[in-house]
Amino acid sequence: MTSYPVMEHFYTVQGEGHFSGAPAYFIRLGGCDVGCVWCDVKESWDATAHPHMSVAEIVNLVVESGSHIAVITGGEPLMYDLGDLTSELRKAHIRTHLETSGVHPLTGEWDWICFSPKKFKAPLPGIYEAAHELKVVVYNKHDLEWAETHTSDLSESCHRFLQPEWSKRDFVTPIILNYVRDFPQWRISIQMHKYIGVP
């Protein structure tokens, strides 16, 4: 029976990107080999520190919550083959959303893929065409130029977001606001959940 290391799971609202404000059940898988220095969930990196849950257990949690969206996040969830999990979630009529840095091959069946590339490890080429949403975390103004390097291979329908790194938000938010005014193909994502005090 397929199982995954689960750091935490909770029913909340999506605080970032295109589905910001929508209720969603989050499953945060343990394990990450990207190593972002500003990561706000570094405790997720060590997969061995988190208990395994079966696919059936995870699906039951989502169904019992009443949520219509399951967000699989991490860590880096694509360290694992997610085919069994997404298949069973879809059988239960749950939308499957993925948050990934794209550094591992894409597995699973997804209704929405949020691709968030990181400077610390290059993404694989296949993630660009598959992504429904590009979300770039902005730590300083130089990250805006870096964000543009990830746009040429996206599908035309892919949404583009720039998100202030939380500890630098007072500095970079005005920079992003000016940028999206000049380049309206981009939108700003502000981590709404942190402002309203929910997970």
Protein backbone atom coordinates (compact mmCIF):
# COMPACT_ATOMS: atom_id res chain seq x y z
CA MET A 1 0.00 0.00 0.00
CA THR A 2 1.39 3.39 -1.01
CA SER A 3 2.18 5.78 1.82
CA TYR A 4 3.87 9.14 2.18
CA PRO A 5 5.67 11.01 5.00
CA VAL A 6 3.21 13.67 6.12
CA MET A 7 4.57 16.58 8.14
CA GLU A 8 1.17 18.18 8.66
CA HIS A 9 -2.31 18.41 7.24
CA PHE A 10 -4.99 21.03 7.79
CA TYR A 11 -8.12 22.61 6.32
CA THR A 12 -7.72 26.33 5.71
CA VAL A 13 -7.82 28.79 2.83
CA GLN A 14 -5.26 29.01 0.08
CA GLY A 15 -3.25 32.12 0.86
CA GLU A 16 -1.17 32.43 -2.30
CA GLY A 17 -1.53 32.76 -6.03
CA HIS A 18 -4.50 32.20 -8.29
CA PHE A 19 -6.71 30.41 -5.75
CA SER A 20 -6.02 32.86 -2.92
CA GLY A 21 -9.00 32.91 -0.58
CA ALA A 22 -10.41 29.55 -1.66
CA PRO A 23 -10.94 26.87 1.02
CA ALA A 24 -8.51 23.98 0.59
CA TYR A 25 -7.14 20.99 2.48
CA PHE A 26 -3.34 21.06 2.65
CA ILE A 27 -1.19 17.93 2.82
CA ARG A 28 2.42 18.87 3.49
CA LEU A 29 4.76 16.01 2.61
CA GLY A 30 8.09 15.66 4.37
CA GLY A 31 11.32 15.68 2.41
CA CYS A 32 13.05 18.37 0.36
CA ASP A 33 16.36 18.46 -1.49
CA VAL A 34 16.18 22.08 -2.69
CA GLY A 35 17.24 23.85 0.51
CA CYS A 36 16.00 27.43 0.20
CA VAL A 37 17.76 29.54 2.82
CA TRP A 38 14.58 31.54 3.55
CA CYS A 39 12.25 28.50 3.66
CA ASP A 40 9.52 28.95 6.30
CA VAL A 41 9.03 25.19 6.78
CA LYS A 42 12.58 23.88 7.13
CA GLU A 43 11.25 21.24 9.52
CA SER A 44 9.74 19.59 6.45
CA TRP A 45 13.13 18.86 4.88
CA ASP A 46 13.90 15.61 6.71
CA ALA A 47 11.44 13.00 5.47
CA THR A 48 12.43 10.55 8.20
CA ALA A 49 11.15 12.94 10.88
CA HIS A 50 7.53 12.55 9.82
CA PRO A 51 5.07 9.64 10.11
CA HIS A 52 3.82 7.86 7.02
CA MET A 53 0.16 7.95 6.09
CA SER A 54 -1.52 5.70 3.55
CA VAL A 55 -3.32 7.03 0.50
CA ALA A 56 -6.63 5.93 2.01
CA GLU A 57 -5.93 7.81 5.25
CA ILE A 58 -5.05 11.00 3.39
CA VAL A 59 -8.09 10.82 1.12
CA ASN A 60 -10.38 10.21 4.10
CA LEU A 61 -9.05 13.32 5.83
CA VAL A 62 -9.86 15.46 2.81
CA VAL A 63 -13.30 13.95 2.26
CA GLU A 64 -14.27 14.28 5.93
CA SER A 65 -13.24 17.96 5.93
CA GLY A 66 -15.72 18.77 3.18
CA SER A 67 -13.06 20.46 1.07
CA HIS A 68 -13.28 20.22 -2.70
CA ILE A 69 -9.57 21.01 -3.16
CA ALA A 70 -6.53 19.08 -1.92
CA VAL A 71 -3.22 20.97 -2.11
CA ILE A 72 -0.18 18.69 -2.10
CA THR A 73 2.79 20.73 -0.94
CA GLY A 74 6.05 20.30 0.90
CA GLY A 75 8.90 20.14 1.22
CA GLU A 76 9.17 19.03 -2.36
CA PRO A 77 6.27 16.64 -3.06
CA LEU A 78 7.60 15.43 -6.40
CA MET A 79 10.31 13.53 -4.56
CA TYR A 80 7.57 10.86 -4.51
CA ASP A 81 5.42 9.21 -7.15
CA LEU A 82 2.07 10.88 -6.55
CA GLY A 83 0.07 8.85 -9.05
CA ASP A 84 -1.80 6.70 -6.53
CA LEU A 85 -2.66 9.67 -4.32
CA THR A 86 -4.04 11.87 -7.08
CA SER A 87 -5.95 8.97 -8.63
CA GLU A 88 -7.78 8.24 -5.38
CA LEU A 89 -8.43 11.91 -4.65
CA ARG A 90 -10.01 12.32 -8.07
CA LYS A 91 -12.15 9.23 -7.57
CA ALA A 92 -13.48 11.02 -4.48
CA HIS A 93 -14.25 14.09 -6.65
CA ILE A 94 -11.52 16.17 -5.04
CA ARG A 95 -9.58 18.67 -7.15
CA THR A 96 -5.85 18.00 -7.06
CA HIS A 97 -3.51 20.98 -6.74
CA LEU A 98 0.29 20.72 -6.64
CA GLU A 99 2.91 23.15 -5.32
CA THR A 100 6.38 22.28 -6.62
CA SER A 101 9.79 23.68 -7.48
CA GLY A 102 9.84 21.37 -10.51
CA VAL A 103 13.20 19.76 -9.76
CA HIS A 104 11.83 16.20 -10.03
CA PRO A 105 9.83 14.52 -12.81
CA LEU A 106 6.12 15.27 -12.74
CA THR A 107 3.91 12.42 -11.53
CA GLY A 108 0.21 12.30 -10.78
CA GLU A 109 -2.93 13.75 -12.37
CA TRP A 110 -3.37 17.42 -11.58
CA ASP A 111 -6.15 19.95 -11.94
CA TRP A 112 -3.74 22.75 -11.04
CA ILE A 113 0.05 22.99 -10.89
CA CYS A 114 1.74 25.90 -9.16
CA PHE A 115 5.36 25.97 -10.29
CA SER A 116 7.65 27.94 -7.98
CA PRO A 117 11.25 27.75 -9.24
CA LYS A 118 14.11 28.28 -6.80
CA LYS A 119 17.64 29.56 -7.42
CA PHE A 120 19.11 26.78 -5.32
CA LYS A 121 18.30 23.96 -7.78
CA ALA A 122 17.31 24.17 -11.43
CA PRO A 123 13.87 22.88 -12.48
CA LEU A 124 13.41 20.20 -15.11
CA PRO A 125 12.26 21.42 -18.54
CA GLY A 126 8.97 19.50 -18.54
CA ILE A 127 7.39 21.51 -15.73
CA TYR A 128 7.10 24.72 -17.77
CA GLU A 129 4.49 23.55 -20.25
CA ALA A 130 2.55 21.70 -17.53
CA ALA A 131 2.31 24.64 -15.12
CA HIS A 132 -0.97 26.52 -14.72
CA GLU A 133 0.68 29.10 -12.49
CA LEU A 134 4.22 30.45 -12.09
CA LYS A 135 4.95 31.86 -8.63
CA VAL A 136 8.33 33.47 -8.01
CA VAL A 137 9.35 34.44 -4.48
CA VAL A 138 11.05 37.85 -4.54
CA TYR A 139 13.80 38.46 -1.99
CA ASN A 140 15.35 41.50 -3.69
CA LYS A 141 14.93 43.54 -6.86
CA HIS A 142 17.32 41.30 -8.81
CA ASP A 143 14.82 38.46 -8.47
CA LEU A 144 12.49 40.27 -10.88
CA GLU A 145 14.97 39.82 -13.73
CA TRP A 146 15.49 36.20 -12.66
CA ALA A 147 11.71 35.66 -12.71
CA GLU A 148 11.57 36.71 -16.35
CA THR A 149 14.05 33.98 -17.30
CA HIS A 150 11.36 31.42 -16.43
CA THR A 151 8.60 32.76 -18.67
CA SER A 152 9.62 31.89 -22.23
CA ASP A 153 8.65 28.21 -22.08
CA LEU A 154 5.36 28.65 -20.21
CA SER A 155 2.03 27.99 -21.89
CA GLU A 156 0.18 31.12 -23.00
CA SER A 157 -2.53 30.51 -20.40
CA CYS A 158 -0.12 30.23 -17.45
CA HIS A 159 -0.72 32.83 -14.73
CA ARG A 160 2.34 34.69 -13.42
CA PHE A 161 2.77 35.79 -9.81
CA LEU A 162 5.47 37.65 -7.90
CA GLN A 163 5.39 37.06 -4.16
CA PRO A 164 7.34 39.04 -1.54
CA GLU A 165 9.54 36.88 0.66
CA TRP A 166 7.85 37.28 4.03
CA SER A 167 10.80 38.63 6.02
CA LYS A 168 11.51 41.21 3.29
CA ARG A 169 7.90 42.13 2.53
CA ASP A 170 8.10 45.76 3.65
CA PHE A 171 11.04 46.35 1.33
CA VAL A 172 10.08 44.31 -1.74
CA THR A 173 6.29 44.79 -1.88
CA PRO A 174 6.55 48.38 -3.23
CA ILE A 175 9.12 47.18 -5.77
CA ILE A 176 6.78 44.43 -6.96
CA LEU A 177 3.82 46.81 -7.11
CA ASN A 178 5.75 49.14 -9.39
CA TYR A 179 6.87 46.20 -11.52
CA VAL A 180 3.39 44.77 -12.09
CA ARG A 181 2.15 48.22 -13.08
CA ASP A 182 4.85 48.35 -15.74
CA PHE A 183 4.48 44.69 -16.74
CA PRO A 184 0.78 43.79 -16.28
CA GLN A 185 1.25 40.20 -17.40
CA TRP A 186 2.41 39.71 -13.79
CA ARG A 187 0.28 39.80 -10.63
CA ILE A 188 1.27 40.12 -6.99
CA SER A 189 0.70 37.33 -4.45
CA ILE A 190 0.85 38.48 -0.81
CA GLN A 191 0.57 35.35 1.41
CA MET A 192 -2.88 36.35 2.61
CA HIS A 193 -3.01 33.53 5.17
CA LYS A 194 -0.18 35.10 7.16
CA TYR A 195 -1.94 38.45 7.28
CA ILE A 196 -5.19 36.95 8.58
CA GLY A 197 -3.48 34.51 10.95
CA VAL A 198 -4.41 31.08 9.60
CA PRO A 199 -2.15 28.15 8.58
